[in-house]
Amino acid sequence: PDTVKPLRLANYEANTEQHVFIVGSNEGQSFSIQTGIISTQYQAVKPLLQQTLNISLNARGGASGSPVLDNK
């Protein structure tokens, strides 16, 4: 829809203890927002060269694959 705006990717590194949240579809019933912090981060090894984050939050069913957002 024309009213939808795309999310911009961050141009800065994530930090441990940074507050984040995810928006999920709570088992297909309604949207939910779960808040937490980045607990650890590390660089994955080949073949998946990317930054990987461990996030401490209470994810509910339907939240897997949700984007990780911060207050920006």
PDB file of N, CA and C in Angstrom:
ATOM      1  N   PRO A   1       0.824  -1.216   0.000  1.00  0.00           N
ATOM      2  CA  PRO A   1       0.000   0.000   0.000  1.00  0.00           C
ATOM      3  C   PRO A   1       0.857   1.265   0.000  1.00  0.00           C
ATOM      4  N   ASP A   2       0.307   2.332  -0.508  1.00  0.00           N
ATOM      5  CA  ASP A   2       1.035   3.598  -0.579  1.00  0.00           C
ATOM      6  C   ASP A   2       1.385   4.154   0.799  1.00  0.00           C
ATOM      7  N   THR A   3       0.661   3.761   1.820  1.00  0.00           N
ATOM      8  CA  THR A   3       0.907   4.300   3.161  1.00  0.00           C
ATOM      9  C   THR A   3       2.036   3.584   3.893  1.00  0.00           C
ATOM     10  N   VAL A   4       2.535   2.495   3.344  1.00  0.00           N
ATOM     11  CA  VAL A   4       3.598   1.728   3.991  1.00  0.00           C
ATOM     12  C   VAL A   4       4.952   2.342   3.653  1.00  0.00           C
ATOM     13  N   LYS A   5       5.780   2.525   4.680  1.00  0.00           N
ATOM     14  CA  LYS A   5       7.123   3.063   4.479  1.00  0.00           C
ATOM     15  C   LYS A   5       8.139   1.966   4.783  1.00  0.00           C
ATOM     16  N   PRO A   6       9.133   1.773   3.934  1.00  0.00           N
ATOM     17  CA  PRO A   6      10.133   0.736   4.185  1.00  0.00           C
ATOM     18  C   PRO A   6      11.033   1.114   5.362  1.00  0.00           C
ATOM     19  N   LEU A   7      11.519   0.103   6.067  1.00  0.00           N
ATOM     20  CA  LEU A   7      12.476   0.337   7.138  1.00  0.00           C
ATOM     21  C   LEU A   7      13.853   0.528   6.538  1.00  0.00           C
ATOM     22  N   ARG A   8      14.598   1.468   7.070  1.00  0.00           N
ATOM     23  CA  ARG A   8      15.981   1.665   6.638  1.00  0.00           C
ATOM     24  C   ARG A   8      16.887   0.824   7.521  1.00  0.00           C
ATOM     25  N   LEU A   9      17.905   0.231   6.925  1.00  0.00           N
ATOM     26  CA  LEU A   9      18.877  -0.516   7.703  1.00  0.00           C
ATOM     27  C   LEU A   9      19.800   0.447   8.416  1.00  0.00           C
ATOM     28  N   ALA A  10      20.244   0.059   9.602  1.00  0.00           N
ATOM     29  CA  ALA A  10      21.146   0.909  10.389  1.00  0.00           C
ATOM     30  C   ALA A  10      22.489   1.030   9.690  1.00  0.00           C
ATOM     31  N   ASN A  11      23.116   2.181   9.816  1.00  0.00           N
ATOM     32  CA  ASN A  11      24.453   2.365   9.263  1.00  0.00           C
ATOM     33  C   ASN A  11      25.482   2.450  10.386  1.00  0.00           C
ATOM     34  N   TYR A  12      25.169   1.823  11.524  1.00  0.00           N
ATOM     35  CA  TYR A  12      26.064   1.794  12.672  1.00  0.00           C
ATOM     36  C   TYR A  12      26.024   0.399  13.274  1.00  0.00           C
ATOM     37  N   GLU A  13      27.067   0.068  14.034  1.00  0.00           N
ATOM     38  CA  GLU A  13      27.186  -1.252  14.649  1.00  0.00           C
ATOM     39  C   GLU A  13      26.282  -1.367  15.868  1.00  0.00           C
ATOM     40  N   ALA A  14      25.748  -2.541  16.070  1.00  0.00           N
ATOM     41  CA  ALA A  14      24.978  -2.829  17.278  1.00  0.00           C
ATOM     42  C   ALA A  14      25.948  -3.010  18.445  1.00  0.00           C
ATOM     43  N   ASN A  15      25.484  -2.722  19.653  1.00  0.00           N
ATOM     44  CA  ASN A  15      26.312  -2.847  20.852  1.00  0.00           C
ATOM     45  C   ASN A  15      25.622  -3.729  21.879  1.00  0.00           C
ATOM     46  N   THR A  16      26.414  -4.427  22.678  1.00  0.00           N
ATOM     47  CA  THR A  16      25.820  -5.190  23.766  1.00  0.00           C
ATOM     48  C   THR A  16      25.168  -4.227  24.743  1.00  0.00           C
ATOM     49  N   GLU A  17      24.138  -4.686  25.399  1.00  0.00           N
ATOM     50  CA  GLU A  17      23.320  -3.909  26.328  1.00  0.00           C
ATOM     51  C   GLU A  17      22.445  -2.871  25.631  1.00  0.00           C
ATOM     52  N   GLN A  18      22.445  -2.863  24.293  1.00  0.00           N
ATOM     53  CA  GLN A  18      21.587  -1.945  23.541  1.00  0.00           C
ATOM     54  C   GLN A  18      20.146  -2.439  23.619  1.00  0.00           C
ATOM     55  N   HIS A  19      19.214  -1.546  23.881  1.00  0.00           N
ATOM     56  CA  HIS A  19      17.799  -1.902  23.945  1.00  0.00           C
ATOM     57  C   HIS A  19      17.242  -2.070  22.537  1.00  0.00           C
ATOM     58  N   VAL A  20      16.525  -3.165  22.321  1.00  0.00           N
ATOM     59  CA  VAL A  20      15.939  -3.481  21.021  1.00  0.00           C
ATOM     60  C   VAL A  20      14.524  -4.013  21.225  1.00  0.00           C
ATOM     61  N   PHE A  21      13.803  -4.144  20.126  1.00  0.00           N
ATOM     62  CA  PHE A  21      12.487  -4.771  20.200  1.00  0.00           C
ATOM     63  C   PHE A  21      12.173  -5.465  18.884  1.00  0.00           C
ATOM     64  N   ILE A  22      11.240  -6.383  18.947  1.00  0.00           N
ATOM     65  CA  ILE A  22      10.755  -7.068  17.751  1.00  0.00           C
ATOM     66  C   ILE A  22       9.238  -6.913  17.711  1.00  0.00           C
ATOM     67  N   VAL A  23       8.710  -6.916  16.501  1.00  0.00           N
ATOM     68  CA  VAL A  23       7.261  -6.887  16.302  1.00  0.00           C
ATOM     69  C   VAL A  23       6.892  -8.197  15.633  1.00  0.00           C
ATOM     70  N   GLY A  24       6.039  -8.963  16.284  1.00  0.00           N
ATOM     71  CA  GLY A  24       5.653 -10.257  15.746  1.00  0.00           C
ATOM     72  C   GLY A  24       4.158 -10.366  15.570  1.00  0.00           C
ATOM     73  N   SER A  25       3.765 -11.434  14.939  1.00  0.00           N
ATOM     74  CA  SER A  25       2.346 -11.737  14.791  1.00  0.00           C
ATOM     75  C   SER A  25       2.060 -12.838  15.795  1.00  0.00           C
ATOM     76  N   ASN A  26       1.547 -12.474  16.927  1.00  0.00           N
ATOM     77  CA  ASN A  26       1.358 -13.350  18.073  1.00  0.00           C
ATOM     78  C   ASN A  26       0.514 -14.571  17.708  1.00  0.00           C
ATOM     79  N   GLU A  27       1.187 -15.600  17.195  1.00  0.00           N
ATOM     80  CA  GLU A  27       0.542 -16.839  16.769  1.00  0.00           C
ATOM     81  C   GLU A  27      -0.639 -16.576  15.843  1.00  0.00           C
ATOM     82  N   GLY A  28      -0.491 -15.560  14.975  1.00  0.00           N
ATOM     83  CA  GLY A  28      -1.513 -15.254  13.991  1.00  0.00           C
ATOM     84  C   GLY A  28      -2.730 -14.535  14.543  1.00  0.00           C
ATOM     85  N   GLN A  29      -2.742 -14.188  15.819  1.00  0.00           N
ATOM     86  CA  GLN A  29      -3.908 -13.557  16.422  1.00  0.00           C
ATOM     87  C   GLN A  29      -3.850 -12.030  16.340  1.00  0.00           C
ATOM     88  N   SER A  30      -2.739 -11.461  16.769  1.00  0.00           N
ATOM     89  CA  SER A  30      -2.583 -10.012  16.756  1.00  0.00           C
ATOM     90  C   SER A  30      -1.088  -9.707  16.817  1.00  0.00           C
ATOM     91  N   PHE A  31      -0.742  -8.457  16.575  1.00  0.00           N
ATOM     92  CA  PHE A  31       0.664  -8.074  16.647  1.00  0.00           C
ATOM     93  C   PHE A  31       1.082  -7.900  18.091  1.00  0.00           C
ATOM     94  N   SER A  32       2.333  -8.235  18.363  1.00  0.00           N
ATOM     95  CA  SER A  32       2.885  -8.050  19.698  1.00  0.00           C
ATOM     96  C   SER A  32       4.251  -7.402  19.578  1.00  0.00           C
ATOM     97  N   ILE A  33       4.637  -6.651  20.576  1.00  0.00           N
ATOM     98  CA  ILE A  33       5.956  -6.035  20.648  1.00  0.00           C
ATOM     99  C   ILE A  33       6.660  -6.630  21.852  1.00  0.00           C
ATOM    100  N   GLN A  34       7.839  -7.185  21.618  1.00  0.00           N
ATOM    101  CA  GLN A  34       8.646  -7.768  22.689  1.00  0.00           C
ATOM    102  C   GLN A  34       9.929  -6.960  22.796  1.00  0.00           C
ATOM    103  N   THR A  35      10.276  -6.533  24.001  1.00  0.00           N
ATOM    104  CA  THR A  35      11.474  -5.719  24.210  1.00  0.00           C
ATOM    105  C   THR A  35      12.554  -6.534  24.901  1.00  0.00           C
ATOM    106  N   GLY A  36      13.791  -6.141  24.680  1.00  0.00           N
ATOM    107  CA  GLY A  36      14.910  -6.815  25.306  1.00  0.00           C
ATOM    108  C   GLY A  36      16.198  -6.072  25.038  1.00  0.00           C
ATOM    109  N   ILE A  37      17.321  -6.752  25.249  1.00  0.00           N
ATOM    110  CA  ILE A  37      18.632  -6.151  25.006  1.00  0.00           C
ATOM    111  C   ILE A  37      19.486  -7.122  24.196  1.00  0.00           C
ATOM    112  N   ILE A  38      20.504  -6.570  23.544  1.00  0.00           N
ATOM    113  CA  ILE A  38      21.495  -7.400  22.869  1.00  0.00           C
ATOM    114  C   ILE A  38      22.439  -7.902  23.947  1.00  0.00           C
ATOM    115  N   SER A  39      22.500  -9.217  24.118  1.00  0.00           N
ATOM    116  CA  SER A  39      23.322  -9.771  25.190  1.00  0.00           C
ATOM    117  C   SER A  39      24.745 -10.082  24.736  1.00  0.00           C
ATOM    118  N   THR A  40      24.918 -10.586  23.525  1.00  0.00           N
ATOM    119  CA  THR A  40      26.254 -10.840  22.975  1.00  0.00           C
ATOM    120  C   THR A  40      26.211 -10.647  21.469  1.00  0.00           C
ATOM    121  N   GLN A  41      27.376 -10.460  20.888  1.00  0.00           N
ATOM    122  CA  GLN A  41      27.482 -10.365  19.441  1.00  0.00           C
ATOM    123  C   GLN A  41      28.797 -10.992  19.009  1.00  0.00           C
ATOM    124  N   TYR A  42      28.804 -11.569  17.838  1.00  0.00           N
ATOM    125  CA  TYR A  42      30.017 -12.154  17.296  1.00  0.00           C
ATOM    126  C   TYR A  42      29.904 -12.234  15.785  1.00  0.00           C
ATOM    127  N   GLN A  43      31.031 -12.406  15.142  1.00  0.00           N
ATOM    128  CA  GLN A  43      31.065 -12.551  13.694  1.00  0.00           C
ATOM    129  C   GLN A  43      31.004 -14.037  13.368  1.00  0.00           C
ATOM    130  N   ALA A  44      30.096 -14.415  12.494  1.00  0.00           N
ATOM    131  CA  ALA A  44      29.983 -15.803  12.072  1.00  0.00           C
ATOM    132  C   ALA A  44      31.161 -16.150  11.172  1.00  0.00           C
ATOM    133  N   VAL A  45      31.451 -17.431  11.067  1.00  0.00           N
ATOM    134  CA  VAL A  45      32.553 -17.887  10.218  1.00  0.00           C
ATOM    135  C   VAL A  45      31.990 -18.366   8.889  1.00  0.00           C
ATOM    136  N   LYS A  46      32.869 -18.626   7.948  1.00  0.00           N
ATOM    137  CA  LYS A  46      32.451 -19.060   6.610  1.00  0.00           C
ATOM    138  C   LYS A  46      31.493 -20.221   6.725  1.00  0.00           C
ATOM    139  N   PRO A  47      30.535 -20.365   5.860  1.00  0.00           N
ATOM    140  CA  PRO A  47      30.260 -19.576   4.661  1.00  0.00           C
ATOM    141  C   PRO A  47      29.357 -18.384   4.937  1.00  0.00           C
ATOM    142  N   LEU A  48      28.909 -18.192   6.180  1.00  0.00           N
ATOM    143  CA  LEU A  48      27.978 -17.100   6.492  1.00  0.00           C
ATOM    144  C   LEU A  48      28.717 -15.971   7.188  1.00  0.00           C
ATOM    145  N   LEU A  49      29.347 -15.115   6.419  1.00  0.00           N
ATOM    146  CA  LEU A  49      30.100 -14.002   6.993  1.00  0.00           C
ATOM    147  C   LEU A  49      29.144 -12.856   7.292  1.00  0.00           C
ATOM    148  N   GLN A  50      28.685 -12.795   8.503  1.00  0.00           N
ATOM    149  CA  GLN A  50      27.734 -11.770   8.905  1.00  0.00           C
ATOM    150  C   GLN A  50      27.817 -11.587  10.410  1.00  0.00           C
ATOM    151  N   GLN A  51      27.280 -10.490  10.889  1.00  0.00           N
ATOM    152  CA  GLN A  51      27.241 -10.269  12.324  1.00  0.00           C
ATOM    153  C   GLN A  51      26.037 -11.007  12.898  1.00  0.00           C
ATOM    154  N   THR A  52      26.248 -11.687  13.986  1.00  0.00           N
ATOM    155  CA  THR A  52      25.185 -12.434  14.640  1.00  0.00           C
ATOM    156  C   THR A  52      24.978 -11.867  16.033  1.00  0.00           C
ATOM    157  N   LEU A  53      23.723 -11.666  16.416  1.00  0.00           N
ATOM    158  CA  LEU A  53      23.392 -11.094  17.714  1.00  0.00           C
ATOM    159  C   LEU A  53      22.600 -12.091  18.540  1.00  0.00           C
ATOM    160  N   ASN A  54      22.921 -12.198  19.814  1.00  0.00           N
ATOM    161  CA  ASN A  54      22.076 -12.918  20.755  1.00  0.00           C
ATOM    162  C   ASN A  54      21.265 -11.875  21.492  1.00  0.00           C
ATOM    163  N   ILE A  55      19.964 -12.033  21.490  1.00  0.00           N
ATOM    164  CA  ILE A  55      19.068 -11.045  22.075  1.00  0.00           C
ATOM    165  C   ILE A  55      18.330 -11.669  23.243  1.00  0.00           C
ATOM    166  N   SER A  56      18.327 -10.981  24.356  1.00  0.00           N
ATOM    167  CA  SER A  56      17.629 -11.446  25.546  1.00  0.00           C
ATOM    168  C   SER A  56      16.251 -10.795  25.582  1.00  0.00           C
ATOM    169  N   LEU A  57      15.228 -11.566  25.204  1.00  0.00           N
ATOM    170  CA  LEU A  57      13.855 -11.091  25.278  1.00  0.00           C
ATOM    171  C   LEU A  57      12.914 -12.282  25.317  1.00  0.00           C
ATOM    172  N   ASN A  58      11.687 -12.039  25.627  1.00  0.00           N
ATOM    173  CA  ASN A  58      10.693 -13.094  25.752  1.00  0.00           C
ATOM    174  C   ASN A  58       9.904 -13.194  24.456  1.00  0.00           C
ATOM    175  N   ALA A  59      10.482 -13.892  23.454  1.00  0.00           N
ATOM    176  CA  ALA A  59       9.807 -14.039  22.164  1.00  0.00           C
ATOM    177  C   ALA A  59       8.628 -14.988  22.318  1.00  0.00           C
ATOM    178  N   ARG A  60       7.549 -14.677  21.661  1.00  0.00           N
ATOM    179  CA  ARG A  60       6.351 -15.506  21.689  1.00  0.00           C
ATOM    180  C   ARG A  60       6.158 -16.145  20.331  1.00  0.00           C
ATOM    181  N   GLY A  61       5.287 -17.139  20.282  1.00  0.00           N
ATOM    182  CA  GLY A  61       4.996 -17.802  19.020  1.00  0.00           C
ATOM    183  C   GLY A  61       4.577 -16.800  17.963  1.00  0.00           C
ATOM    184  N   GLY A  62       5.107 -16.934  16.775  1.00  0.00           N
ATOM    185  CA  GLY A  62       4.791 -16.023  15.690  1.00  0.00           C
ATOM    186  C   GLY A  62       5.789 -14.901  15.542  1.00  0.00           C
ATOM    187  N   ALA A  63       6.794 -14.845  16.423  1.00  0.00           N
ATOM    188  CA  ALA A  63       7.778 -13.765  16.361  1.00  0.00           C
ATOM    189  C   ALA A  63       9.061 -14.182  15.648  1.00  0.00           C
ATOM    190  N   SER A  64       9.213 -15.456  15.324  1.00  0.00           N
ATOM    191  CA  SER A  64      10.436 -15.867  14.655  1.00  0.00           C
ATOM    192  C   SER A  64      10.541 -15.194  13.292  1.00  0.00           C
ATOM    193  N   GLY A  65      11.729 -14.757  12.965  1.00  0.00           N
ATOM    194  CA  GLY A  65      11.942 -14.058  11.710  1.00  0.00           C
ATOM    195  C   GLY A  65      11.604 -12.585  11.745  1.00  0.00           C
ATOM    196  N   SER A  66      11.211 -12.097  12.920  1.00  0.00           N
ATOM    197  CA  SER A  66      10.865 -10.677  13.052  1.00  0.00           C
ATOM    198  C   SER A  66      12.109  -9.818  12.921  1.00  0.00           C
ATOM    199  N   PRO A  67      11.971  -8.617  12.371  1.00  0.00           N
ATOM    200  CA  PRO A  67      13.133  -7.714  12.335  1.00  0.00           C
ATOM    201  C   PRO A  67      13.468  -7.246  13.745  1.00  0.00           C
ATOM    202  N   VAL A  68      14.756  -7.006  13.965  1.00  0.00           N
ATOM    203  CA  VAL A  68      15.215  -6.463  15.243  1.00  0.00           C
ATOM    204  C   VAL A  68      15.359  -4.960  15.058  1.00  0.00           C
ATOM    205  N   LEU A  69      14.658  -4.202  15.887  1.00  0.00           N
ATOM    206  CA  LEU A  69      14.602  -2.747  15.767  1.00  0.00           C
ATOM    207  C   LEU A  69      15.163  -2.088  17.018  1.00  0.00           C
ATOM    208  N   ASP A  70      15.641  -0.858  16.867  1.00  0.00           N
ATOM    209  CA  ASP A  70      15.999  -0.061  18.028  1.00  0.00           C
ATOM    210  C   ASP A  70      15.183   1.231  17.995  1.00  0.00           C
ATOM    211  N   ASN A  71      15.449   2.144  18.910  1.00  0.00           N
ATOM    212  CA  ASN A  71      14.598   3.345  18.991  1.00  0.00           C
ATOM    213  C   ASN A  71      14.808   4.318  17.839  1.00  0.00           C
ATOM    214  N   LYS A  72      15.820   4.104  17.003  1.00  0.00           N
ATOM    215  CA  LYS A  72      16.046   4.978  15.853  1.00  0.00           C
ATOM    216  C   LYS A  72      15.280   4.461  14.661  1.00  0.00           C
TER     217      LYS A  72
END
